[in-house]
Each structure stands twice: as structure tokens, then as C-alpha cells.
PDB file of N, CA and C in Angstrom:
ATOM      1  N   UNK A   1     130.229 388.525 187.129  1.00  0.00           N
ATOM      2  CA  UNK A   1     131.274 388.471 186.124  1.00  0.00           C
ATOM      3  C   UNK A   1     132.603 388.601 186.839  1.00  0.00           C
ATOM      4  N   UNK A   2     133.517 387.748 186.494  1.00  0.00           N
ATOM      5  CA  UNK A   2     134.822 387.771 187.155  1.00  0.00           C
ATOM      6  C   UNK A   2     135.813 388.670 186.418  1.00  0.00           C
ATOM      7  N   UNK A   3     136.873 389.017 187.107  1.00  0.00           N
ATOM      8  CA  UNK A   3     137.949 389.839 186.551  1.00  0.00           C
ATOM      9  C   UNK A   3     138.485 389.194 185.284  1.00  0.00           C
ATOM     10  N   UNK A   4     138.656 389.995 184.231  1.00  0.00           N
ATOM     11  CA  UNK A   4     139.217 389.498 182.980  1.00  0.00           C
ATOM     12  C   UNK A   4     138.237 388.789 182.075  1.00  0.00           C
ATOM     13  N   UNK A   5     136.942 388.871 182.351  1.00  0.00           N
ATOM     14  CA  UNK A   5     135.943 388.167 181.550  1.00  0.00           C
ATOM     15  C   UNK A   5     135.441 388.968 180.351  1.00  0.00           C
ATOM     16  N   UNK A   6     135.650 390.276 180.345  1.00  0.00           N
ATOM     17  CA  UNK A   6     135.128 391.131 179.278  1.00  0.00           C
ATOM     18  C   UNK A   6     136.226 391.403 178.256  1.00  0.00           C
ATOM     19  N   UNK A   7     135.904 391.170 176.981  1.00  0.00           N
ATOM     20  CA  UNK A   7     136.878 391.396 175.914  1.00  0.00           C
ATOM     21  C   UNK A   7     136.796 392.817 175.375  1.00  0.00           C
ATOM     22  N   UNK A   8     135.571 393.273 175.079  1.00  0.00           N
ATOM     23  CA  UNK A   8     135.405 394.626 174.547  1.00  0.00           C
ATOM     24  C   UNK A   8     134.007 395.133 174.880  1.00  0.00           C
ATOM     25  N   UNK A   9     133.868 396.454 174.894  1.00  0.00           N
ATOM     26  CA  UNK A   9     132.559 397.077 175.100  1.00  0.00           C
ATOM     27  C   UNK A   9     132.355 398.158 174.047  1.00  0.00           C
ATOM     28  N   UNK A  10     131.093 398.385 173.696  1.00  0.00           N
ATOM     29  CA  UNK A  10     130.729 399.467 172.774  1.00  0.00           C
ATOM     30  C   UNK A  10     129.588 400.253 173.417  1.00  0.00           C
ATOM     31  N   UNK A  11     129.868 401.527 173.679  1.00  0.00           N
ATOM     32  CA  UNK A  11     128.834 402.410 174.227  1.00  0.00           C
ATOM     33  C   UNK A  11     127.819 402.731 173.152  1.00  0.00           C
ATOM     34  N   UNK A  12     126.568 402.939 173.548  1.00  0.00           N
ATOM     35  CA  UNK A  12     125.547 403.393 172.620  1.00  0.00           C
ATOM     36  C   UNK A  12     124.442 404.089 173.387  1.00  0.00           C
ATOM     37  N   UNK A  13     123.502 404.653 172.652  1.00  0.00           N
ATOM     38  CA  UNK A  13     122.380 405.363 173.252  1.00  0.00           C
ATOM     39  C   UNK A  13     122.623 406.851 173.265  1.00  0.00           C
ATOM     40  N   UNK A  14     121.528 407.614 173.390  1.00  0.00           N
ATOM     41  CA  UNK A  14     121.641 409.071 173.314  1.00  0.00           C
ATOM     42  C   UNK A  14     122.540 409.674 174.379  1.00  0.00           C
ATOM     43  N   UNK A  15     122.605 409.094 175.531  1.00  0.00           N
ATOM     44  CA  UNK A  15     123.448 409.637 176.600  1.00  0.00           C
ATOM     45  C   UNK A  15     124.556 408.665 176.981  1.00  0.00           C
ATOM     46  N   UNK A  16     124.779 407.666 176.143  1.00  0.00           N
ATOM     47  CA  UNK A  16     125.807 406.644 176.379  1.00  0.00           C
ATOM     48  C   UNK A  16     125.670 406.030 177.777  1.00  0.00           C
ATOM     49  N   UNK A  17     124.418 405.707 178.118  1.00  0.00           N
ATOM     50  CA  UNK A  17     124.160 405.090 179.412  1.00  0.00           C
ATOM     51  C   UNK A  17     124.046 403.573 179.296  1.00  0.00           C
ATOM     52  N   UNK A  18     124.317 403.052 178.097  1.00  0.00           N
ATOM     53  CA  UNK A  18     124.254 401.608 177.885  1.00  0.00           C
ATOM     54  C   UNK A  18     125.475 401.173 177.096  1.00  0.00           C
ATOM     55  N   UNK A  19     125.794 399.899 177.217  1.00  0.00           N
ATOM     56  CA  UNK A  19     126.868 399.361 176.399  1.00  0.00           C
ATOM     57  C   UNK A  19     126.577 397.911 176.077  1.00  0.00           C
ATOM     58  N   UNK A  20     127.181 397.462 174.991  1.00  0.00           N
ATOM     59  CA  UNK A  20     127.161 396.057 174.621  1.00  0.00           C
ATOM     60  C   UNK A  20     128.540 395.525 174.986  1.00  0.00           C
ATOM     61  N   UNK A  21     128.567 394.468 175.771  1.00  0.00           N
ATOM     62  CA  UNK A  21     129.827 393.887 176.223  1.00  0.00           C
ATOM     63  C   UNK A  21     130.015 392.513 175.594  1.00  0.00           C
ATOM     64  N   UNK A  22     131.189 392.297 175.015  1.00  0.00           N
ATOM     65  CA  UNK A  22     131.556 390.982 174.484  1.00  0.00           C
ATOM     66  C   UNK A  22     132.282 390.230 175.590  1.00  0.00           C
ATOM     67  N   UNK A  23     131.692 389.129 176.007  1.00  0.00           N
ATOM     68  CA  UNK A  23     132.248 388.317 177.081  1.00  0.00           C
ATOM     69  C   UNK A  23     133.145 387.244 176.458  1.00  0.00           C
ATOM     70  N   UNK A  24     134.308 387.032 177.047  1.00  0.00           N
ATOM     71  CA  UNK A  24     135.277 386.054 176.542  1.00  0.00           C
ATOM     72  C   UNK A  24     134.750 384.628 176.685  1.00  0.00           C
ATOM     73  N   UNK A  25     135.238 383.744 175.826  1.00  0.00           N
ATOM     74  CA  UNK A  25     134.820 382.333 175.874  1.00  0.00           C
ATOM     75  C   UNK A  25     135.283 381.647 177.160  1.00  0.00           C
ATOM     76  N   UNK A  26     136.284 382.216 177.821  1.00  0.00           N
ATOM     77  CA  UNK A  26     136.795 381.626 179.063  1.00  0.00           C
ATOM     78  C   UNK A  26     135.974 382.032 180.294  1.00  0.00           C
ATOM     79  N   UNK A  27     135.027 382.951 180.120  1.00  0.00           N
ATOM     80  CA  UNK A  27     134.190 383.393 181.239  1.00  0.00           C
ATOM     81  C   UNK A  27     133.169 382.308 181.589  1.00  0.00           C
ATOM     82  N   UNK A  28     132.712 382.295 182.826  1.00  0.00           N
ATOM     83  CA  UNK A  28     131.649 381.347 183.181  1.00  0.00           C
ATOM     84  C   UNK A  28     130.440 381.567 182.260  1.00  0.00           C
ATOM     85  N   UNK A  29     129.949 380.511 181.658  1.00  0.00           N
ATOM     86  CA  UNK A  29     128.825 380.619 180.729  1.00  0.00           C
ATOM     87  C   UNK A  29     129.260 380.760 179.281  1.00  0.00           C
ATOM     88  N   UNK A  30     130.554 380.954 179.038  1.00  0.00           N
ATOM     89  CA  UNK A  30     131.068 381.027 177.671  1.00  0.00           C
ATOM     90  C   UNK A  30     130.920 382.379 177.015  1.00  0.00           C
ATOM     91  N   UNK A  31     131.330 382.426 175.749  1.00  0.00           N
ATOM     92  CA  UNK A  31     131.300 383.675 174.974  1.00  0.00           C
ATOM     93  C   UNK A  31     129.863 384.096 174.701  1.00  0.00           C
ATOM     94  N   UNK A  32     129.615 385.390 174.796  1.00  0.00           N
ATOM     95  CA  UNK A  32     128.291 385.948 174.506  1.00  0.00           C
ATOM     96  C   UNK A  32     128.391 387.461 174.481  1.00  0.00           C
ATOM     97  N   UNK A  33     127.351 388.087 174.010  1.00  0.00           N
ATOM     98  CA  UNK A  33     127.258 389.542 174.018  1.00  0.00           C
ATOM     99  C   UNK A  33     126.081 389.911 174.914  1.00  0.00           C
ATOM    100  N   UNK A  34     126.315 390.842 175.815  1.00  0.00           N
ATOM    101  CA  UNK A  34     125.268 391.248 176.752  1.00  0.00           C
ATOM    102  C   UNK A  34     125.103 392.770 176.732  1.00  0.00           C
ATOM    103  N   UNK A  35     123.880 393.211 176.948  1.00  0.00           N
ATOM    104  CA  UNK A  35     123.591 394.647 177.065  1.00  0.00           C
ATOM    105  C   UNK A  35     123.625 394.998 178.545  1.00  0.00           C
ATOM    106  N   UNK A  36     124.281 396.122 178.856  1.00  0.00           N
ATOM    107  CA  UNK A  36     124.403 396.571 180.240  1.00  0.00           C
ATOM    108  C   UNK A  36     123.965 398.020 180.320  1.00  0.00           C
ATOM    109  N   UNK A  37     123.042 398.324 181.229  1.00  0.00           N
ATOM    110  CA  UNK A  37     122.642 399.712 181.498  1.00  0.00           C
ATOM    111  C   UNK A  37     123.490 400.223 182.649  1.00  0.00           C
ATOM    112  N   UNK A  38     124.029 401.424 182.479  1.00  0.00           N
ATOM    113  CA  UNK A  38     125.018 401.946 183.414  1.00  0.00           C
ATOM    114  C   UNK A  38     124.550 403.182 184.166  1.00  0.00           C
ATOM    115  N   UNK A  39     124.967 403.309 185.430  1.00  0.00           N
ATOM    116  CA  UNK A  39     124.818 404.593 186.114  1.00  0.00           C
ATOM    117  C   UNK A  39     125.962 405.500 185.639  1.00  0.00           C
ATOM    118  N   UNK A  40     125.825 406.806 185.769  1.00  0.00           N
ATOM    119  CA  UNK A  40     126.925 407.695 185.375  1.00  0.00           C
ATOM    120  C   UNK A  40     128.181 407.388 186.199  1.00  0.00           C
ATOM    121  N   UNK A  41     129.301 407.172 185.508  1.00  0.00           N
ATOM    122  CA  UNK A  41     130.565 406.892 186.189  1.00  0.00           C
ATOM    123  C   UNK A  41     131.703 407.410 185.313  1.00  0.00           C
ATOM    124  N   UNK A  42     132.208 408.611 185.599  1.00  0.00           N
ATOM    125  CA  UNK A  42     133.248 409.190 184.757  1.00  0.00           C
ATOM    126  C   UNK A  42     134.558 408.397 184.751  1.00  0.00           C
ATOM    127  N   UNK A  43     134.786 407.543 185.731  1.00  0.00           N
ATOM    128  CA  UNK A  43     136.033 406.783 185.804  1.00  0.00           C
ATOM    129  C   UNK A  43     135.924 405.407 185.142  1.00  0.00           C
ATOM    130  N   UNK A  44     134.742 405.028 184.644  1.00  0.00           N
ATOM    131  CA  UNK A  44     134.550 403.678 184.132  1.00  0.00           C
ATOM    132  C   UNK A  44     135.426 403.369 182.923  1.00  0.00           C
ATOM    133  N   UNK A  45     135.484 404.273 181.952  1.00  0.00           N
ATOM    134  CA  UNK A  45     136.274 404.010 180.743  1.00  0.00           C
ATOM    135  C   UNK A  45     137.739 403.773 181.103  1.00  0.00           C
ATOM    136  N   UNK A  46     138.295 404.624 181.937  1.00  0.00           N
ATOM    137  CA  UNK A  46     139.688 404.457 182.351  1.00  0.00           C
ATOM    138  C   UNK A  46     139.891 403.117 183.065  1.00  0.00           C
ATOM    139  N   UNK A  47     138.951 402.741 183.913  1.00  0.00           N
ATOM    140  CA  UNK A  47     139.030 401.474 184.632  1.00  0.00           C
ATOM    141  C   UNK A  47     139.020 400.295 183.658  1.00  0.00           C
ATOM    142  N   UNK A  48     138.122 400.340 182.667  1.00  0.00           N
ATOM    143  CA  UNK A  48     138.037 399.258 181.687  1.00  0.00           C
ATOM    144  C   UNK A  48     139.335 399.130 180.889  1.00  0.00           C
ATOM    145  N   UNK A  49     139.850 400.261 180.413  1.00  0.00           N
ATOM    146  CA  UNK A  49     141.084 400.250 179.622  1.00  0.00           C
ATOM    147  C   UNK A  49     142.249 399.732 180.459  1.00  0.00           C
ATOM    148  N   UNK A  50     142.336 400.168 181.700  1.00  0.00           N
ATOM    149  CA  UNK A  50     143.394 399.720 182.603  1.00  0.00           C
ATOM    150  C   UNK A  50     143.373 398.203 182.776  1.00  0.00           C
ATOM    151  N   UNK A  51     142.177 397.623 182.690  1.00  0.00           N
ATOM    152  CA  UNK A  51     142.035 396.174 182.873  1.00  0.00           C
ATOM    153  C   UNK A  51     141.981 395.420 181.543  1.00  0.00           C
ATOM    154  N   UNK A  52     142.459 396.050 180.466  1.00  0.00           N
ATOM    155  CA  UNK A  52     142.618 395.354 179.196  1.00  0.00           C
ATOM    156  C   UNK A  52     141.383 395.208 178.346  1.00  0.00           C
ATOM    157  N   UNK A  53     140.354 396.004 178.602  1.00  0.00           N
ATOM    158  CA  UNK A  53     139.123 395.932 177.811  1.00  0.00           C
ATOM    159  C   UNK A  53     139.208 396.946 176.672  1.00  0.00           C
ATOM    160  N   UNK A  54     138.908 396.511 175.452  1.00  0.00           N
ATOM    161  CA  UNK A  54     138.854 397.421 174.304  1.00  0.00           C
ATOM    162  C   UNK A  54     137.538 398.184 174.377  1.00  0.00           C
ATOM    163  N   UNK A  55     137.609 399.508 174.381  1.00  0.00           N
ATOM    164  CA  UNK A  55     136.414 400.351 174.490  1.00  0.00           C
ATOM    165  C   UNK A  55     136.175 401.045 173.157  1.00  0.00           C
ATOM    166  N   UNK A  56     134.974 400.857 172.607  1.00  0.00           N
ATOM    167  CA  UNK A  56     134.587 401.487 171.350  1.00  0.00           C
ATOM    168  C   UNK A  56     133.420 402.418 171.616  1.00  0.00           C
ATOM    169  N   UNK A  57     133.440 403.551 170.952  1.00  0.00           N
ATOM    170  CA  UNK A  57     132.335 404.500 171.083  1.00  0.00           C
ATOM    171  C   UNK A  57     131.343 404.238 169.963  1.00  0.00           C
ATOM    172  N   UNK A  58     130.125 403.952 170.309  1.00  0.00           N
ATOM    173  CA  UNK A  58     129.083 403.794 169.311  1.00  0.00           C
ATOM    174  C   UNK A  58     128.658 405.160 168.798  1.00  0.00           C
ATOM    175  N   UNK A  59     127.691 405.169 167.918  1.00  0.00           N
ATOM    176  CA  UNK A  59     127.202 406.428 167.371  1.00  0.00           C
ATOM    177  C   UNK A  59     126.493 407.245 168.438  1.00  0.00           C
ATOM    178  N   UNK A  60     126.647 408.567 168.352  1.00  0.00           N
ATOM    179  CA  UNK A  60     125.849 409.442 169.197  1.00  0.00           C
ATOM    180  C   UNK A  60     124.454 409.526 168.592  1.00  0.00           C
ATOM    181  N   UNK A  61     123.518 410.055 169.315  1.00  0.00           N
ATOM    182  CA  UNK A  61     122.149 410.181 168.811  1.00  0.00           C
ATOM    183  C   UNK A  61     122.105 411.052 167.562  1.00  0.00           C
ATOM    184  N   UNK A  62     122.853 412.145 167.546  1.00  0.00           N
ATOM    185  CA  UNK A  62     122.846 413.017 166.373  1.00  0.00           C
ATOM    186  C   UNK A  62     123.462 412.318 165.161  1.00  0.00           C
ATOM    187  N   UNK A  63     124.487 411.498 165.365  1.00  0.00           N
ATOM    188  CA  UNK A  63     125.067 410.734 164.262  1.00  0.00           C
ATOM    189  C   UNK A  63     124.075 409.710 163.728  1.00  0.00           C
ATOM    190  N   UNK A  64     123.360 409.059 164.637  1.00  0.00           N
ATOM    191  CA  UNK A  64     122.374 408.062 164.236  1.00  0.00           C
ATOM    192  C   UNK A  64     121.254 408.688 163.422  1.00  0.00           C
ATOM    193  N   UNK A  65     120.750 409.834 163.884  1.00  0.00           N
ATOM    194  CA  UNK A  65     119.676 410.530 163.176  1.00  0.00           C
ATOM    195  C   UNK A  65     120.169 411.030 161.821  1.00  0.00           C
ATOM    196  N   UNK A  66     121.388 411.584 161.773  1.00  0.00           N
ATOM    197  CA  UNK A  66     121.951 412.059 160.506  1.00  0.00           C
ATOM    198  C   UNK A  66     122.115 410.932 159.505  1.00  0.00           C
ATOM    199  N   UNK A  67     122.555 409.777 159.966  1.00  0.00           N
ATOM    200  CA  UNK A  67     122.720 408.622 159.078  1.00  0.00           C
ATOM    201  C   UNK A  67     121.363 408.158 158.567  1.00  0.00           C
ATOM    202  N   UNK A  68     120.374 408.099 159.436  1.00  0.00           N
ATOM    203  CA  UNK A  68     119.027 407.692 159.021  1.00  0.00           C
ATOM    204  C   UNK A  68     118.480 408.667 157.980  1.00  0.00           C
ATOM    205  N   UNK A  69     118.716 409.965 158.177  1.00  0.00           N
ATOM    206  CA  UNK A  69     118.262 410.975 157.214  1.00  0.00           C
ATOM    207  C   UNK A  69     118.926 410.764 155.856  1.00  0.00           C
ATOM    208  N   UNK A  70     120.241 410.511 155.859  1.00  0.00           N
ATOM    209  CA  UNK A  70     120.959 410.310 154.593  1.00  0.00           C
ATOM    210  C   UNK A  70     120.453 409.073 153.861  1.00  0.00           C
ATOM    211  N   UNK A  71     120.139 408.031 154.582  1.00  0.00           N
ATOM    212  CA  UNK A  71     119.600 406.815 153.956  1.00  0.00           C
ATOM    213  C   UNK A  71     118.242 407.121 153.334  1.00  0.00           C
ATOM    214  N   UNK A  72     117.402 407.833 154.071  1.00  0.00           N
ATOM    215  CA  UNK A  72     116.070 408.202 153.549  1.00  0.00           C
ATOM    216  C   UNK A  72     116.205 409.097 152.327  1.00  0.00           C
ATOM    217  N   UNK A  73     117.082 410.101 152.409  1.00  0.00           N
ATOM    218  CA  UNK A  73     117.263 411.035 151.300  1.00  0.00           C
ATOM    219  C   UNK A  73     117.794 410.332 150.057  1.00  0.00           C
ATOM    220  N   UNK A  74     118.747 409.419 150.222  1.00  0.00           N
ATOM    221  CA  UNK A  74     119.289 408.732 149.058  1.00  0.00           C
ATOM    222  C   UNK A  74     118.249 407.818 148.428  1.00  0.00           C
ATOM    223  N   UNK A  75     117.367 407.236 149.245  1.00  0.00           N
ATOM    224  CA  UNK A  75     116.300 406.408 148.695  1.00  0.00           C
ATOM    225  C   UNK A  75     115.319 407.237 147.899  1.00  0.00           C
ATOM    226  N   UNK A  76     114.975 408.417 148.394  1.00  0.00           N
ATOM    227  CA  UNK A  76     114.038 409.299 147.694  1.00  0.00           C
ATOM    228  C   UNK A  76     114.682 409.844 146.437  1.00  0.00           C
ATOM    229  N   UNK A  77     115.891 410.335 146.529  1.00  0.00           N
ATOM    230  CA  UNK A  77     116.577 410.902 145.372  1.00  0.00           C
ATOM    231  C   UNK A  77     116.901 409.839 144.329  1.00  0.00           C
ATOM    232  N   UNK A  78     117.249 408.668 144.789  1.00  0.00           N
ATOM    233  CA  UNK A  78     117.543 407.561 143.881  1.00  0.00           C
ATOM    234  C   UNK A  78     116.308 407.157 143.092  1.00  0.00           C
ATOM    235  N   UNK A  79     115.138 407.263 143.708  1.00  0.00           N
ATOM    236  CA  UNK A  79     113.886 406.917 143.028  1.00  0.00           C
ATOM    237  C   UNK A  79     113.474 407.943 141.999  1.00  0.00           C
ATOM    238  N   UNK A  80     114.022 409.171 142.064  1.00  0.00           N
ATOM    239  CA  UNK A  80     113.652 410.229 141.142  1.00  0.00           C
ATOM    240  C   UNK A  80     114.777 410.546 140.168  1.00  0.00           C
ATOM    241  N   UNK A  81     115.787 409.735 140.117  1.00  0.00           N
ATOM    242  CA  UNK A  81     116.922 410.023 139.253  1.00  0.00           C
ATOM    243  C   UNK A  81     116.572 409.990 137.777  1.00  0.00           C
ATOM    244  N   UNK A  82     115.548 409.238 137.397  1.00  0.00           N
ATOM    245  CA  UNK A  82     115.169 409.127 135.991  1.00  0.00           C
ATOM    246  C   UNK A  82     114.288 410.255 135.508  1.00  0.00           C
ATOM    247  N   UNK A  83     113.890 411.161 136.340  1.00  0.00           N
ATOM    248  CA  UNK A  83     113.000 412.269 135.918  1.00  0.00           C
ATOM    249  C   UNK A  83     113.729 413.332 135.169  1.00  0.00           C
TER     250      UNK A  83
END
């Protein structure tokens, strides 16, 4: 991947060791979204921002589990609302 090819990234996963990267249409191979597994690098976010990449934080594992619980609970409670 060449300099300036990444438009935005979104971290995800329980330890934020992965990200989804949106590749610009001007990059070799054209626009696409790719999954990247990362080694720990505390300077990576700053490096990406410095080079014009929009960085988004995906859900943490606890947020994901909490959201799944709320969806399950609303489905169960919604099914018993007529009782």
C-alpha cells in the first residue's frame, strides 16, 4: 500500500488488534475495504492521523456484549408485553 492510499480506519475486536481500512479509489487496485490484524503499536493512531487518515473507534467487547444483551432483552420483553 502506498502513502496516501488509506481514507479511514475503524478499530474493532476485544483488544483492538484489528481494523477495517477503507482504501481510496486512487490506490492501486481501486477502492475497497480490507481487514488488517495489527501488532501492538502505541504510536500507530498518531501516525495515521498525521498522515490524514480518519480514525474511528469501533465498539469495545463490553459495549458489544451489552448491546447484544439489550437486543435479547427487548425481544424477550417485547414478546411478553401483552401478558
